[in-house]
Amino acid sequence: MYFLAEFYVPSTGADPRAVTRRAATAAGSLELEGTRVQFLRAVFVPSDEIGFALYRASTPDAVANAGERAGLRFDRIREAVPTLDDTAHLERSGT
């Protein structure tokens, strides 16, 4: 299943690349521990101070745990349905 997590990103002092690295590292460490969760990508909307992270995971709790481990407080986590083109890209990338 895919999940989209929404989180606050302050307009000053937040490095989107660092946030993305933390999210990927946290999900990877949970995977090594046996939790089914993969960080796929992030999108940032600086003018609204919002970030979105896309995960493939077994449950929304797995996504919440990955966010917590990355130091991110997710405001919402919702099941997402990628488009056919996104699914093909994600499958080709091995994620």
N, C-alpha and C. Protein backbone atom coordinates (compact mmCIF):
# COMPACT_ATOMS: atom_id res chain seq x y z
N MET A 1 0.83 -1.17 0.00
CA MET A 1 0.00 0.00 0.00
C MET A 1 0.88 1.25 0.00
N TYR A 2 0.36 2.30 -0.57
CA TYR A 2 1.06 3.58 -0.60
C TYR A 2 0.40 4.54 0.39
N PHE A 3 1.21 5.38 1.01
CA PHE A 3 0.71 6.37 1.95
C PHE A 3 1.39 7.71 1.69
N LEU A 4 0.60 8.77 1.82
CA LEU A 4 1.12 10.13 1.69
C LEU A 4 1.05 10.78 3.07
N ALA A 5 2.19 11.27 3.52
CA ALA A 5 2.27 11.92 4.83
C ALA A 5 2.51 13.41 4.63
N GLU A 6 1.75 14.22 5.36
CA GLU A 6 1.89 15.67 5.28
C GLU A 6 2.58 16.16 6.55
N PHE A 7 3.50 17.12 6.37
CA PHE A 7 4.21 17.64 7.54
C PHE A 7 4.60 19.09 7.33
N TYR A 8 4.83 19.77 8.43
CA TYR A 8 5.21 21.18 8.43
C TYR A 8 6.70 21.32 8.13
N VAL A 9 7.03 22.25 7.25
CA VAL A 9 8.42 22.55 6.93
C VAL A 9 8.60 24.06 7.08
N PRO A 10 9.31 24.51 8.10
CA PRO A 10 9.48 25.96 8.27
C PRO A 10 10.19 26.59 7.07
N SER A 11 9.77 27.79 6.74
CA SER A 11 10.34 28.46 5.56
C SER A 11 11.79 28.88 5.77
N THR A 12 12.21 28.98 7.01
CA THR A 12 13.61 29.33 7.29
C THR A 12 14.28 28.19 8.05
N GLY A 13 15.46 27.87 7.62
CA GLY A 13 16.26 26.89 8.35
C GLY A 13 16.03 25.44 7.98
N ALA A 14 15.07 25.15 7.12
CA ALA A 14 14.83 23.75 6.75
C ALA A 14 15.52 23.47 5.42
N ASP A 15 16.34 22.44 5.38
CA ASP A 15 17.00 22.02 4.16
C ASP A 15 16.25 20.81 3.60
N PRO A 16 15.51 20.97 2.51
CA PRO A 16 14.72 19.85 1.98
C PRO A 16 15.54 18.60 1.71
N ARG A 17 16.79 18.76 1.26
CA ARG A 17 17.62 17.57 1.02
C ARG A 17 17.94 16.84 2.31
N ALA A 18 18.18 17.58 3.39
CA ALA A 18 18.45 16.95 4.68
C ALA A 18 17.22 16.24 5.21
N VAL A 19 16.07 16.86 5.05
CA VAL A 19 14.81 16.23 5.48
C VAL A 19 14.60 14.93 4.70
N THR A 20 14.83 14.98 3.40
CA THR A 20 14.67 13.80 2.55
C THR A 20 15.63 12.69 2.97
N ARG A 21 16.88 13.05 3.24
CA ARG A 21 17.86 12.04 3.68
C ARG A 21 17.44 11.41 5.00
N ARG A 22 16.99 12.23 5.94
CA ARG A 22 16.55 11.69 7.24
C ARG A 22 15.37 10.74 7.07
N ALA A 23 14.42 11.11 6.21
CA ALA A 23 13.25 10.25 5.97
C ALA A 23 13.68 8.92 5.36
N ALA A 24 14.56 8.97 4.38
CA ALA A 24 15.03 7.74 3.73
C ALA A 24 15.82 6.86 4.69
N THR A 25 16.70 7.48 5.48
CA THR A 25 17.51 6.74 6.43
C THR A 25 16.65 6.07 7.50
N ALA A 26 15.67 6.81 8.01
CA ALA A 26 14.79 6.26 9.05
C ALA A 26 13.99 5.08 8.53
N ALA A 27 13.42 5.22 7.33
CA ALA A 27 12.66 4.11 6.76
C ALA A 27 13.57 2.91 6.51
N GLY A 28 14.78 3.16 6.01
CA GLY A 28 15.73 2.07 5.77
C GLY A 28 16.09 1.31 7.03
N SER A 29 16.27 2.04 8.13
CA SER A 29 16.63 1.36 9.38
C SER A 29 15.45 0.54 9.90
N LEU A 30 14.24 1.04 9.73
CA LEU A 30 13.07 0.25 10.14
C LEU A 30 12.92 -1.00 9.29
N GLU A 31 13.22 -0.88 7.98
CA GLU A 31 13.18 -2.04 7.10
C GLU A 31 14.16 -3.11 7.58
N LEU A 32 15.35 -2.69 7.97
CA LEU A 32 16.35 -3.64 8.46
C LEU A 32 15.88 -4.34 9.74
N GLU A 33 15.02 -3.67 10.48
CA GLU A 33 14.48 -4.26 11.72
C GLU A 33 13.23 -5.09 11.47
N GLY A 34 12.79 -5.15 10.21
CA GLY A 34 11.65 -6.00 9.87
C GLY A 34 10.33 -5.29 9.65
N THR A 35 10.32 -3.98 9.72
CA THR A 35 9.09 -3.23 9.46
C THR A 35 9.00 -2.94 7.98
N ARG A 36 7.87 -3.24 7.37
CA ARG A 36 7.71 -3.01 5.94
C ARG A 36 7.36 -1.55 5.70
N VAL A 37 8.37 -0.75 5.40
CA VAL A 37 8.17 0.67 5.09
C VAL A 37 9.32 1.15 4.20
N GLN A 38 8.98 1.77 3.10
CA GLN A 38 9.98 2.32 2.17
C GLN A 38 9.63 3.77 1.88
N PHE A 39 10.59 4.65 2.04
CA PHE A 39 10.43 6.04 1.65
C PHE A 39 10.66 6.11 0.15
N LEU A 40 9.73 6.74 -0.58
CA LEU A 40 9.85 6.80 -2.04
C LEU A 40 10.26 8.17 -2.55
N ARG A 41 9.64 9.22 -2.04
CA ARG A 41 9.99 10.57 -2.49
C ARG A 41 9.32 11.60 -1.61
N ALA A 42 9.80 12.83 -1.73
CA ALA A 42 9.21 13.94 -0.99
C ALA A 42 8.99 15.10 -1.95
N VAL A 43 7.98 15.89 -1.62
CA VAL A 43 7.68 17.11 -2.36
C VAL A 43 7.49 18.21 -1.34
N PHE A 44 8.08 19.36 -1.60
CA PHE A 44 7.99 20.48 -0.67
C PHE A 44 7.29 21.65 -1.35
N VAL A 45 6.45 22.35 -0.58
CA VAL A 45 5.74 23.54 -1.05
C VAL A 45 6.15 24.68 -0.12
N PRO A 46 7.29 25.32 -0.42
CA PRO A 46 7.84 26.33 0.50
C PRO A 46 6.88 27.48 0.81
N SER A 47 6.12 27.93 -0.15
CA SER A 47 5.22 29.07 0.09
C SER A 47 4.13 28.74 1.10
N ASP A 48 3.81 27.47 1.27
CA ASP A 48 2.81 27.05 2.25
C ASP A 48 3.43 26.35 3.47
N GLU A 49 4.75 26.23 3.48
CA GLU A 49 5.48 25.56 4.56
C GLU A 49 4.96 24.14 4.79
N ILE A 50 4.74 23.43 3.69
CA ILE A 50 4.21 22.06 3.75
C ILE A 50 5.14 21.13 2.99
N GLY A 51 5.30 19.93 3.52
CA GLY A 51 6.00 18.87 2.83
C GLY A 51 5.11 17.64 2.75
N PHE A 52 5.32 16.86 1.72
CA PHE A 52 4.59 15.60 1.55
C PHE A 52 5.62 14.51 1.30
N ALA A 53 5.45 13.39 1.97
CA ALA A 53 6.35 12.25 1.78
C ALA A 53 5.52 11.05 1.34
N LEU A 54 5.97 10.39 0.30
CA LEU A 54 5.30 9.20 -0.21
C LEU A 54 6.05 7.97 0.25
N TYR A 55 5.30 7.05 0.82
CA TYR A 55 5.86 5.81 1.34
C TYR A 55 5.11 4.62 0.74
N ARG A 56 5.80 3.50 0.67
CA ARG A 56 5.15 2.20 0.48
C ARG A 56 5.33 1.49 1.81
N ALA A 57 4.22 1.06 2.40
CA ALA A 57 4.29 0.45 3.73
C ALA A 57 3.13 -0.50 3.95
N SER A 58 3.27 -1.29 4.99
CA SER A 58 2.20 -2.24 5.32
C SER A 58 1.06 -1.57 6.07
N THR A 59 1.37 -0.53 6.85
CA THR A 59 0.35 0.15 7.65
C THR A 59 0.69 1.63 7.79
N PRO A 60 -0.31 2.45 8.11
CA PRO A 60 0.00 3.86 8.40
C PRO A 60 0.86 4.01 9.65
N ASP A 61 0.75 3.08 10.59
CA ASP A 61 1.60 3.14 11.78
C ASP A 61 3.08 3.00 11.44
N ALA A 62 3.38 2.17 10.44
CA ALA A 62 4.77 2.03 10.00
C ALA A 62 5.30 3.35 9.46
N VAL A 63 4.46 4.08 8.74
CA VAL A 63 4.84 5.40 8.21
C VAL A 63 5.05 6.38 9.36
N ALA A 64 4.13 6.37 10.33
CA ALA A 64 4.25 7.25 11.49
C ALA A 64 5.55 6.97 12.25
N ASN A 65 5.89 5.71 12.40
CA ASN A 65 7.14 5.34 13.09
C ASN A 65 8.36 5.83 12.31
N ALA A 66 8.31 5.72 10.99
CA ALA A 66 9.41 6.21 10.17
C ALA A 66 9.56 7.72 10.31
N GLY A 67 8.45 8.42 10.31
CA GLY A 67 8.49 9.87 10.48
C GLY A 67 9.05 10.26 11.83
N GLU A 68 8.59 9.58 12.87
CA GLU A 68 9.08 9.87 14.22
C GLU A 68 10.59 9.65 14.31
N ARG A 69 11.04 8.56 13.73
CA ARG A 69 12.47 8.25 13.77
C ARG A 69 13.28 9.29 12.99
N ALA A 70 12.67 9.88 11.96
CA ALA A 70 13.35 10.90 11.15
C ALA A 70 13.24 12.29 11.77
N GLY A 71 12.51 12.39 12.87
CA GLY A 71 12.32 13.69 13.50
C GLY A 71 11.26 14.53 12.82
N LEU A 72 10.35 13.87 12.11
CA LEU A 72 9.26 14.56 11.42
C LEU A 72 7.94 14.28 12.15
N ARG A 73 7.16 15.31 12.31
CA ARG A 73 5.84 15.14 12.91
C ARG A 73 4.82 15.22 11.78
N PHE A 74 4.26 14.08 11.44
CA PHE A 74 3.28 14.04 10.36
C PHE A 74 1.93 14.52 10.87
N ASP A 75 1.36 15.52 10.18
CA ASP A 75 0.05 16.03 10.54
C ASP A 75 -1.05 15.09 10.07
N ARG A 76 -0.84 14.49 8.92
CA ARG A 76 -1.80 13.53 8.37
C ARG A 76 -1.06 12.46 7.61
N ILE A 77 -1.61 11.26 7.67
CA ILE A 77 -1.12 10.14 6.86
C ILE A 77 -2.36 9.52 6.23
N ARG A 78 -2.37 9.48 4.91
CA ARG A 78 -3.52 8.95 4.19
C ARG A 78 -3.06 7.94 3.16
N GLU A 79 -3.89 6.93 2.94
CA GLU A 79 -3.61 5.98 1.88
C GLU A 79 -3.64 6.73 0.55
N ALA A 80 -2.70 6.43 -0.32
CA ALA A 80 -2.58 7.11 -1.60
C ALA A 80 -2.69 6.10 -2.73
N VAL A 81 -3.13 6.57 -3.86
CA VAL A 81 -3.25 5.74 -5.05
C VAL A 81 -2.40 6.38 -6.15
N PRO A 82 -1.22 5.82 -6.41
CA PRO A 82 -0.38 6.40 -7.47
C PRO A 82 -1.01 6.15 -8.83
N THR A 83 -0.68 7.02 -9.78
CA THR A 83 -1.16 6.82 -11.14
C THR A 83 -0.43 5.65 -11.76
N LEU A 84 -0.95 5.19 -12.85
CA LEU A 84 -0.32 4.07 -13.55
C LEU A 84 1.13 4.40 -13.91
N ASP A 85 1.38 5.62 -14.41
CA ASP A 85 2.75 6.01 -14.76
C ASP A 85 3.65 6.01 -13.53
N ASP A 86 3.15 6.51 -12.39
CA ASP A 86 3.96 6.50 -11.17
C ASP A 86 4.28 5.08 -10.73
N THR A 87 3.28 4.21 -10.80
CA THR A 87 3.48 2.82 -10.39
C THR A 87 4.56 2.16 -11.25
N ALA A 88 4.52 2.39 -12.56
CA ALA A 88 5.52 1.80 -13.45
C ALA A 88 6.90 2.32 -13.10
N HIS A 89 7.02 3.63 -12.83
CA HIS A 89 8.30 4.21 -12.47
C HIS A 89 8.81 3.61 -11.15
N LEU A 90 7.92 3.49 -10.18
CA LEU A 90 8.32 2.96 -8.87
C LEU A 90 8.75 1.51 -8.98
N GLU A 91 8.07 0.75 -9.82
CA GLU A 91 8.44 -0.65 -10.00
C GLU A 91 9.80 -0.77 -10.70
N ARG A 92 10.05 0.09 -11.70
CA ARG A 92 11.33 0.06 -12.42
C ARG A 92 12.48 0.44 -11.51
N SER A 93 12.21 1.35 -10.56
CA SER A 93 13.29 1.82 -9.70
C SER A 93 13.59 0.82 -8.58
N GLY A 94 12.77 -0.23 -8.48
CA GLY A 94 13.02 -1.26 -7.47
C GLY A 94 12.53 -0.88 -6.09
N THR A 95 11.69 0.13 -5.99
CA THR A 95 11.17 0.53 -4.68
C THR A 95 9.79 -0.01 -4.46
